[in-house]
Amino acid sequence: MSNGSTLKKLNDSVPLLSVDDAALYLNIPKSTIYMLCKRRIIPCVKIGKHWRCSKDTLDKWIAEQSQKPCTD
Protein backbone atom coordinates (compact mmCIF):
# COMPACT_ATOMS: atom_id res chain seq x y z
CA MET A 1 0.00 0.00 0.00
CA SER A 2 1.44 3.36 -0.95
CA ASN A 3 1.81 6.23 1.49
CA GLY A 4 -0.96 8.21 -0.27
CA SER A 5 -3.38 5.30 0.05
CA THR A 6 -2.61 4.94 3.75
CA LEU A 7 -3.23 8.64 4.31
CA LYS A 8 -6.54 8.52 2.45
CA LYS A 9 -7.66 5.51 4.49
CA LEU A 10 -6.75 7.28 7.75
CA ASN A 11 -8.58 10.43 6.65
CA ASP A 12 -11.66 8.40 5.71
CA SER A 13 -11.79 6.64 9.07
CA VAL A 14 -11.01 9.57 11.41
CA PRO A 15 -11.64 12.91 9.74
CA LEU A 16 -9.93 15.78 11.52
CA LEU A 17 -11.31 19.21 10.81
CA SER A 18 -9.19 22.34 10.70
CA VAL A 19 -10.48 25.47 12.43
CA ASP A 20 -11.77 26.69 9.06
CA ASP A 21 -13.58 23.39 8.42
CA ALA A 22 -14.99 23.22 11.95
CA ALA A 23 -16.27 26.80 11.68
CA LEU A 24 -17.99 25.98 8.40
CA TYR A 25 -19.36 22.72 9.77
CA LEU A 26 -20.78 24.36 12.92
CA ASN A 27 -21.71 27.59 11.10
CA ILE A 28 -19.90 29.80 13.62
CA PRO A 29 -16.98 32.24 13.28
CA LYS A 30 -13.41 30.94 13.32
CA SER A 31 -12.69 33.18 16.30
CA THR A 32 -15.34 31.29 18.28
CA ILE A 33 -13.74 27.94 17.37
CA TYR A 34 -10.34 29.23 18.55
CA MET A 35 -11.85 30.46 21.82
CA LEU A 36 -13.70 27.16 22.42
CA CYS A 37 -10.53 25.18 21.68
CA LYS A 38 -8.30 27.31 23.91
CA ARG A 39 -10.77 27.01 26.79
CA ARG A 40 -11.17 23.27 26.12
CA ILE A 41 -14.94 23.68 25.81
CA ILE A 42 -15.09 21.63 22.63
CA PRO A 43 -13.13 18.41 22.13
CA CYS A 44 -10.03 19.24 20.11
CA VAL A 45 -6.31 18.64 19.86
CA LYS A 46 -3.43 20.97 19.10
CA ILE A 47 -0.94 19.56 16.61
CA GLY A 48 2.02 21.92 16.50
CA LYS A 49 0.45 25.34 16.05
CA HIS A 50 -2.78 23.99 14.56
CA TRP A 51 -6.03 23.07 16.29
CA ARG A 52 -7.86 20.02 14.96
CA CYS A 53 -11.29 18.65 15.84
CA SER A 54 -12.61 15.19 15.06
CA LYS A 55 -15.92 15.43 13.20
CA ASP A 56 -17.28 12.35 14.99
CA THR A 57 -16.26 13.71 18.40
CA LEU A 58 -17.82 17.08 17.59
CA ASP A 59 -21.04 15.35 16.58
CA LYS A 60 -21.12 13.45 19.89
CA TRP A 61 -20.35 16.64 21.84
CA ILE A 62 -23.18 18.50 20.09
CA ALA A 63 -25.60 15.66 20.90
CA GLU A 64 -24.53 15.77 24.56
CA GLN A 65 -24.92 19.56 24.70
CA SER A 66 -28.41 19.44 23.20
CA GLN A 67 -29.53 17.08 26.01
CA LYS A 68 -28.40 19.44 28.79
CA PRO A 69 -30.98 21.85 30.21
CA CYS A 70 -30.44 25.51 29.36
CA THR A 71 -29.16 27.61 32.24
CA ASP A 72 -29.62 31.02 30.58
PDB file of N, CA and C in Angstrom:
ATOM      1  N   MET A   1       0.852  -1.175   0.000  1.00  0.00           N
ATOM      2  CA  MET A   1       0.000   0.000   0.000  1.00  0.00           C
ATOM      3  C   MET A   1       0.897   1.237   0.000  1.00  0.00           C
ATOM      4  N   SER A   2       0.612   2.159  -0.883  1.00  0.00           N
ATOM      5  CA  SER A   2       1.442   3.361  -0.954  1.00  0.00           C
ATOM      6  C   SER A   2       1.102   4.317   0.182  1.00  0.00           C
ATOM      7  N   ASN A   3       1.996   5.256   0.425  1.00  0.00           N
ATOM      8  CA  ASN A   3       1.805   6.227   1.494  1.00  0.00           C
ATOM      9  C   ASN A   3       0.539   7.054   1.275  1.00  0.00           C
ATOM     10  N   GLY A   4       0.240   7.442   0.042  1.00  0.00           N
ATOM     11  CA  GLY A   4      -0.962   8.213  -0.266  1.00  0.00           C
ATOM     12  C   GLY A   4      -2.226   7.438   0.040  1.00  0.00           C
ATOM     13  N   SER A   5      -2.222   6.134  -0.246  1.00  0.00           N
ATOM     14  CA  SER A   5      -3.380   5.295   0.047  1.00  0.00           C
ATOM     15  C   SER A   5      -3.595   5.167   1.544  1.00  0.00           C
ATOM     16  N   THR A   6      -2.520   5.031   2.297  1.00  0.00           N
ATOM     17  CA  THR A   6      -2.612   4.936   3.751  1.00  0.00           C
ATOM     18  C   THR A   6      -3.199   6.213   4.320  1.00  0.00           C
ATOM     19  N   LEU A   7      -2.726   7.358   3.832  1.00  0.00           N
ATOM     20  CA  LEU A   7      -3.227   8.637   4.313  1.00  0.00           C
ATOM     21  C   LEU A   7      -4.707   8.789   4.009  1.00  0.00           C
ATOM     22  N   LYS A   8      -5.140   8.410   2.812  1.00  0.00           N
ATOM     23  CA  LYS A   8      -6.544   8.521   2.446  1.00  0.00           C
ATOM     24  C   LYS A   8      -7.380   7.637   3.359  1.00  0.00           C
ATOM     25  N   LYS A   9      -6.922   6.420   3.641  1.00  0.00           N
ATOM     26  CA  LYS A   9      -7.657   5.510   4.490  1.00  0.00           C
ATOM     27  C   LYS A   9      -7.778   6.084   5.905  1.00  0.00           C
ATOM     28  N   LEU A  10      -6.694   6.657   6.433  1.00  0.00           N
ATOM     29  CA  LEU A  10      -6.751   7.275   7.753  1.00  0.00           C
ATOM     30  C   LEU A  10      -7.731   8.444   7.758  1.00  0.00           C
ATOM     31  N   ASN A  11      -7.681   9.277   6.726  1.00  0.00           N
ATOM     32  CA  ASN A  11      -8.579  10.428   6.649  1.00  0.00           C
ATOM     33  C   ASN A  11     -10.028   9.998   6.531  1.00  0.00           C
ATOM     34  N   ASP A  12     -10.299   8.893   5.844  1.00  0.00           N
ATOM     35  CA  ASP A  12     -11.662   8.402   5.707  1.00  0.00           C
ATOM     36  C   ASP A  12     -12.192   7.871   7.034  1.00  0.00           C
ATOM     37  N   SER A  13     -11.324   7.257   7.841  1.00  0.00           N
ATOM     38  CA  SER A  13     -11.792   6.638   9.072  1.00  0.00           C
ATOM     39  C   SER A  13     -11.889   7.620  10.231  1.00  0.00           C
ATOM     40  N   VAL A  14     -10.993   8.596  10.310  1.00  0.00           N
ATOM     41  CA  VAL A  14     -11.007   9.566  11.409  1.00  0.00           C
ATOM     42  C   VAL A  14     -10.779  10.964  10.837  1.00  0.00           C
ATOM     43  N   PRO A  15     -11.845  11.589  10.326  1.00  0.00           N
ATOM     44  CA  PRO A  15     -11.638  12.909   9.743  1.00  0.00           C
ATOM     45  C   PRO A  15     -11.356  13.957  10.809  1.00  0.00           C
ATOM     46  N   LEU A  16     -10.255  14.669  10.638  1.00  0.00           N
ATOM     47  CA  LEU A  16      -9.931  15.781  11.520  1.00  0.00           C
ATOM     48  C   LEU A  16     -10.213  17.071  10.778  1.00  0.00           C
ATOM     49  N   LEU A  17     -10.946  17.949  11.422  1.00  0.00           N
ATOM     50  CA  LEU A  17     -11.307  19.209  10.811  1.00  0.00           C
ATOM     51  C   LEU A  17     -10.351  20.308  11.266  1.00  0.00           C
ATOM     52  N   SER A  18      -9.960  21.153  10.348  1.00  0.00           N
ATOM     53  CA  SER A  18      -9.189  22.342  10.699  1.00  0.00           C
ATOM     54  C   SER A  18     -10.151  23.337  11.345  1.00  0.00           C
ATOM     55  N   VAL A  19      -9.628  24.422  11.853  1.00  0.00           N
ATOM     56  CA  VAL A  19     -10.477  25.469  12.431  1.00  0.00           C
ATOM     57  C   VAL A  19     -11.431  26.008  11.365  1.00  0.00           C
ATOM     58  N   ASP A  20     -10.916  26.213  10.152  1.00  0.00           N
ATOM     59  CA  ASP A  20     -11.774  26.688   9.057  1.00  0.00           C
ATOM     60  C   ASP A  20     -12.910  25.708   8.790  1.00  0.00           C
ATOM     61  N   ASP A  21     -12.567  24.423   8.696  1.00  0.00           N
ATOM     62  CA  ASP A  21     -13.576  23.393   8.415  1.00  0.00           C
ATOM     63  C   ASP A  21     -14.584  23.275   9.555  1.00  0.00           C
ATOM     64  N   ALA A  22     -14.102  23.318  10.793  1.00  0.00           N
ATOM     65  CA  ALA A  22     -14.992  23.219  11.955  1.00  0.00           C
ATOM     66  C   ALA A  22     -15.936  24.417  12.005  1.00  0.00           C
ATOM     67  N   ALA A  23     -15.429  25.602  11.693  1.00  0.00           N
ATOM     68  CA  ALA A  23     -16.272  26.801  11.682  1.00  0.00           C
ATOM     69  C   ALA A  23     -17.362  26.680  10.621  1.00  0.00           C
ATOM     70  N   LEU A  24     -16.990  26.194   9.450  1.00  0.00           N
ATOM     71  CA  LEU A  24     -17.993  25.984   8.397  1.00  0.00           C
ATOM     72  C   LEU A  24     -19.002  24.914   8.808  1.00  0.00           C
ATOM     73  N   TYR A  25     -18.507  23.833   9.367  1.00  0.00           N
ATOM     74  CA  TYR A  25     -19.363  22.719   9.765  1.00  0.00           C
ATOM     75  C   TYR A  25     -20.373  23.142  10.840  1.00  0.00           C
ATOM     76  N   LEU A  26     -19.912  23.930  11.824  1.00  0.00           N
ATOM     77  CA  LEU A  26     -20.780  24.362  12.919  1.00  0.00           C
ATOM     78  C   LEU A  26     -21.485  25.689  12.631  1.00  0.00           C
ATOM     79  N   ASN A  27     -21.113  26.327  11.513  1.00  0.00           N
ATOM     80  CA  ASN A  27     -21.709  27.592  11.098  1.00  0.00           C
ATOM     81  C   ASN A  27     -21.512  28.682  12.164  1.00  0.00           C
ATOM     82  N   ILE A  28     -20.272  28.769  12.653  1.00  0.00           N
ATOM     83  CA  ILE A  28     -19.901  29.799  13.621  1.00  0.00           C
ATOM     84  C   ILE A  28     -18.564  30.406  13.181  1.00  0.00           C
ATOM     85  N   PRO A  29     -18.241  31.597  13.681  1.00  0.00           N
ATOM     86  CA  PRO A  29     -16.976  32.237  13.276  1.00  0.00           C
ATOM     87  C   PRO A  29     -15.743  31.450  13.733  1.00  0.00           C
ATOM     88  N   LYS A  30     -14.669  31.592  12.960  1.00  0.00           N
ATOM     89  CA  LYS A  30     -13.406  30.940  13.323  1.00  0.00           C
ATOM     90  C   LYS A  30     -12.924  31.398  14.693  1.00  0.00           C
ATOM     91  N   SER A  31     -13.130  32.665  15.005  1.00  0.00           N
ATOM     92  CA  SER A  31     -12.687  33.182  16.300  1.00  0.00           C
ATOM     93  C   SER A  31     -13.374  32.446  17.452  1.00  0.00           C
ATOM     94  N   THR A  32     -14.619  32.046  17.251  1.00  0.00           N
ATOM     95  CA  THR A  32     -15.341  31.290  18.281  1.00  0.00           C
ATOM     96  C   THR A  32     -14.744  29.897  18.431  1.00  0.00           C
ATOM     97  N   ILE A  33     -14.379  29.268  17.313  1.00  0.00           N
ATOM     98  CA  ILE A  33     -13.742  27.944  17.371  1.00  0.00           C
ATOM     99  C   ILE A  33     -12.430  28.045  18.143  1.00  0.00           C
ATOM    100  N   TYR A  34     -11.609  29.055  17.829  1.00  0.00           N
ATOM    101  CA  TYR A  34     -10.342  29.231  18.547  1.00  0.00           C
ATOM    102  C   TYR A  34     -10.581  29.397  20.043  1.00  0.00           C
ATOM    103  N   MET A  35     -11.552  30.219  20.407  1.00  0.00           N
ATOM    104  CA  MET A  35     -11.855  30.458  21.821  1.00  0.00           C
ATOM    105  C   MET A  35     -12.315  29.163  22.499  1.00  0.00           C
ATOM    106  N   LEU A  36     -13.201  28.416  21.841  1.00  0.00           N
ATOM    107  CA  LEU A  36     -13.697  27.158  22.416  1.00  0.00           C
ATOM    108  C   LEU A  36     -12.582  26.127  22.562  1.00  0.00           C
ATOM    109  N   CYS A  37     -11.667  26.104  21.600  1.00  0.00           N
ATOM    110  CA  CYS A  37     -10.529  25.175  21.678  1.00  0.00           C
ATOM    111  C   CYS A  37      -9.589  25.569  22.820  1.00  0.00           C
ATOM    112  N   LYS A  38      -9.231  26.848  22.887  1.00  0.00           N
ATOM    113  CA  LYS A  38      -8.298  27.309  23.914  1.00  0.00           C
ATOM    114  C   LYS A  38      -8.839  27.066  25.321  1.00  0.00           C
ATOM    115  N   ARG A  39     -10.145  27.224  25.483  1.00  0.00           N
ATOM    116  CA  ARG A  39     -10.771  27.013  26.790  1.00  0.00           C
ATOM    117  C   ARG A  39     -11.159  25.557  27.029  1.00  0.00           C
ATOM    118  N   ARG A  40     -10.862  24.708  26.038  1.00  0.00           N
ATOM    119  CA  ARG A  40     -11.170  23.270  26.117  1.00  0.00           C
ATOM    120  C   ARG A  40     -12.661  23.017  26.347  1.00  0.00           C
ATOM    121  N   ILE A  41     -13.487  23.847  25.726  1.00  0.00           N
ATOM    122  CA  ILE A  41     -14.937  23.677  25.811  1.00  0.00           C
ATOM    123  C   ILE A  41     -15.392  22.634  24.798  1.00  0.00           C
ATOM    124  N   ILE A  42     -14.787  22.656  23.621  1.00  0.00           N
ATOM    125  CA  ILE A  42     -15.093  21.626  22.628  1.00  0.00           C
ATOM    126  C   ILE A  42     -13.931  20.640  22.574  1.00  0.00           C
ATOM    127  N   PRO A  43     -14.213  19.387  22.221  1.00  0.00           N
ATOM    128  CA  PRO A  43     -13.128  18.409  22.127  1.00  0.00           C
ATOM    129  C   PRO A  43     -12.237  18.716  20.917  1.00  0.00           C
ATOM    130  N   CYS A  44     -10.957  18.914  21.175  1.00  0.00           N
ATOM    131  CA  CYS A  44     -10.026  19.240  20.108  1.00  0.00           C
ATOM    132  C   CYS A  44      -8.611  18.865  20.536  1.00  0.00           C
ATOM    133  N   VAL A  45      -7.704  18.943  19.581  1.00  0.00           N
ATOM    134  CA  VAL A  45      -6.306  18.638  19.864  1.00  0.00           C
ATOM    135  C   VAL A  45      -5.451  19.662  19.137  1.00  0.00           C
ATOM    136  N   LYS A  46      -4.353  20.040  19.743  1.00  0.00           N
ATOM    137  CA  LYS A  46      -3.426  20.966  19.102  1.00  0.00           C
ATOM    138  C   LYS A  46      -2.252  20.157  18.568  1.00  0.00           C
ATOM    139  N   ILE A  47      -2.048  20.244  17.276  1.00  0.00           N
ATOM    140  CA  ILE A  47      -0.939  19.562  16.614  1.00  0.00           C
ATOM    141  C   ILE A  47       0.006  20.651  16.112  1.00  0.00           C
ATOM    142  N   GLY A  48       1.120  20.793  16.804  1.00  0.00           N
ATOM    143  CA  GLY A  48       2.016  21.916  16.498  1.00  0.00           C
ATOM    144  C   GLY A  48       1.319  23.212  16.835  1.00  0.00           C
ATOM    145  N   LYS A  49       1.137  24.069  15.848  1.00  0.00           N
ATOM    146  CA  LYS A  49       0.446  25.343  16.048  1.00  0.00           C
ATOM    147  C   LYS A  49      -1.020  25.276  15.619  1.00  0.00           C
ATOM    148  N   HIS A  50      -1.462  24.107  15.176  1.00  0.00           N
ATOM    149  CA  HIS A  50      -2.779  23.988  14.556  1.00  0.00           C
ATOM    150  C   HIS A  50      -3.764  23.207  15.419  1.00  0.00           C
ATOM    151  N   TRP A  51      -4.946  23.769  15.592  1.00  0.00           N
ATOM    152  CA  TRP A  51      -6.026  23.067  16.292  1.00  0.00           C
ATOM    153  C   TRP A  51      -6.743  22.161  15.304  1.00  0.00           C
ATOM    154  N   ARG A  52      -7.102  20.971  15.759  1.00  0.00           N
ATOM    155  CA  ARG A  52      -7.864  20.023  14.957  1.00  0.00           C
ATOM    156  C   ARG A  52      -8.984  19.447  15.807  1.00  0.00           C
ATOM    157  N   CYS A  53     -10.123  19.224  15.164  1.00  0.00           N
ATOM    158  CA  CYS A  53     -11.285  18.645  15.835  1.00  0.00           C
ATOM    159  C   CYS A  53     -11.747  17.440  15.035  1.00  0.00           C
ATOM    160  N   SER A  54     -12.058  16.363  15.715  1.00  0.00           N
ATOM    161  CA  SER A  54     -12.609  15.189  15.059  1.00  0.00           C
ATOM    162  C   SER A  54     -14.091  15.436  14.791  1.00  0.00           C
ATOM    163  N   LYS A  55     -14.516  15.218  13.559  1.00  0.00           N
ATOM    164  CA  LYS A  55     -15.921  15.429  13.202  1.00  0.00           C
ATOM    165  C   LYS A  55     -16.827  14.541  14.043  1.00  0.00           C
ATOM    166  N   ASP A  56     -16.468  13.282  14.200  1.00  0.00           N
ATOM    167  CA  ASP A  56     -17.279  12.352  14.992  1.00  0.00           C
ATOM    168  C   ASP A  56     -17.384  12.805  16.447  1.00  0.00           C
ATOM    169  N   THR A  57     -16.264  13.252  17.009  1.00  0.00           N
ATOM    170  CA  THR A  57     -16.264  13.710  18.396  1.00  0.00           C
ATOM    171  C   THR A  57     -17.084  14.983  18.540  1.00  0.00           C
ATOM    172  N   LEU A  58     -17.000  15.880  17.557  1.00  0.00           N
ATOM    173  CA  LEU A  58     -17.822  17.084  17.588  1.00  0.00           C
ATOM    174  C   LEU A  58     -19.308  16.733  17.535  1.00  0.00           C
ATOM    175  N   ASP A  59     -19.646  15.779  16.682  1.00  0.00           N
ATOM    176  CA  ASP A  59     -21.044  15.347  16.582  1.00  0.00           C
ATOM    177  C   ASP A  59     -21.551  14.811  17.920  1.00  0.00           C
ATOM    178  N   LYS A  60     -20.734  14.002  18.583  1.00  0.00           N
ATOM    179  CA  LYS A  60     -21.119  13.454  19.891  1.00  0.00           C
ATOM    180  C   LYS A  60     -21.249  14.567  20.921  1.00  0.00           C
ATOM    181  N   TRP A  61     -20.314  15.528  20.900  1.00  0.00           N
ATOM    182  CA  TRP A  61     -20.346  16.644  21.838  1.00  0.00           C
ATOM    183  C   TRP A  61     -21.616  17.472  21.635  1.00  0.00           C
ATOM    184  N   ILE A  62     -21.970  17.729  20.383  1.00  0.00           N
ATOM    185  CA  ILE A  62     -23.183  18.496  20.088  1.00  0.00           C
ATOM    186  C   ILE A  62     -24.413  17.758  20.614  1.00  0.00           C
ATOM    187  N   ALA A  63     -24.468  16.456  20.410  1.00  0.00           N
ATOM    188  CA  ALA A  63     -25.601  15.663  20.900  1.00  0.00           C
ATOM    189  C   ALA A  63     -25.694  15.744  22.427  1.00  0.00           C
ATOM    190  N   GLU A  64     -24.548  15.674  23.101  1.00  0.00           N
ATOM    191  CA  GLU A  64     -24.534  15.773  24.562  1.00  0.00           C
ATOM    192  C   GLU A  64     -24.993  17.152  25.021  1.00  0.00           C
ATOM    193  N   GLN A  65     -24.553  18.194  24.325  1.00  0.00           N
ATOM    194  CA  GLN A  65     -24.923  19.561  24.697  1.00  0.00           C
ATOM    195  C   GLN A  65     -26.419  19.802  24.513  1.00  0.00           C
ATOM    196  N   SER A  66     -26.981  19.204  23.480  1.00  0.00           N
ATOM    197  CA  SER A  66     -28.408  19.440  23.202  1.00  0.00           C
ATOM    198  C   SER A  66     -29.298  18.738  24.228  1.00  0.00           C
ATOM    199  N   GLN A  67     -28.756  17.793  24.994  1.00  0.00           N
ATOM    200  CA  GLN A  67     -29.526  17.084  26.015  1.00  0.00           C
ATOM    201  C   GLN A  67     -29.451  17.767  27.376  1.00  0.00           C
ATOM    202  N   LYS A  68     -28.540  18.725  27.521  1.00  0.00           N
ATOM    203  CA  LYS A  68     -28.399  19.443  28.794  1.00  0.00           C
ATOM    204  C   LYS A  68     -29.468  20.529  28.880  1.00  0.00           C
ATOM    205  N   PRO A  69     -30.017  20.757  30.071  1.00  0.00           N
ATOM    206  CA  PRO A  69     -30.984  21.854  30.211  1.00  0.00           C
ATOM    207  C   PRO A  69     -30.294  23.208  30.082  1.00  0.00           C
ATOM    208  N   CYS A  70     -30.971  24.156  29.513  1.00  0.00           N
ATOM    209  CA  CYS A  70     -30.437  25.514  29.358  1.00  0.00           C
ATOM    210  C   CYS A  70     -30.384  26.199  30.715  1.00  0.00           C
ATOM    211  N   THR A  71     -29.299  26.906  30.971  1.00  0.00           N
ATOM    212  CA  THR A  71     -29.158  27.613  32.242  1.00  0.00           C
ATOM    213  C   THR A  71     -29.253  29.119  32.067  1.00  0.00           C
ATOM    214  N   ASP A  72     -29.524  29.569  30.843  1.00  0.00           N
ATOM    215  CA  ASP A  72     -29.619  31.020  30.578  1.00  0.00           C
ATOM    216  C   ASP A  72     -30.946  31.568  31.029  1.00  0.00           C
TER     217      ASP A  72
END
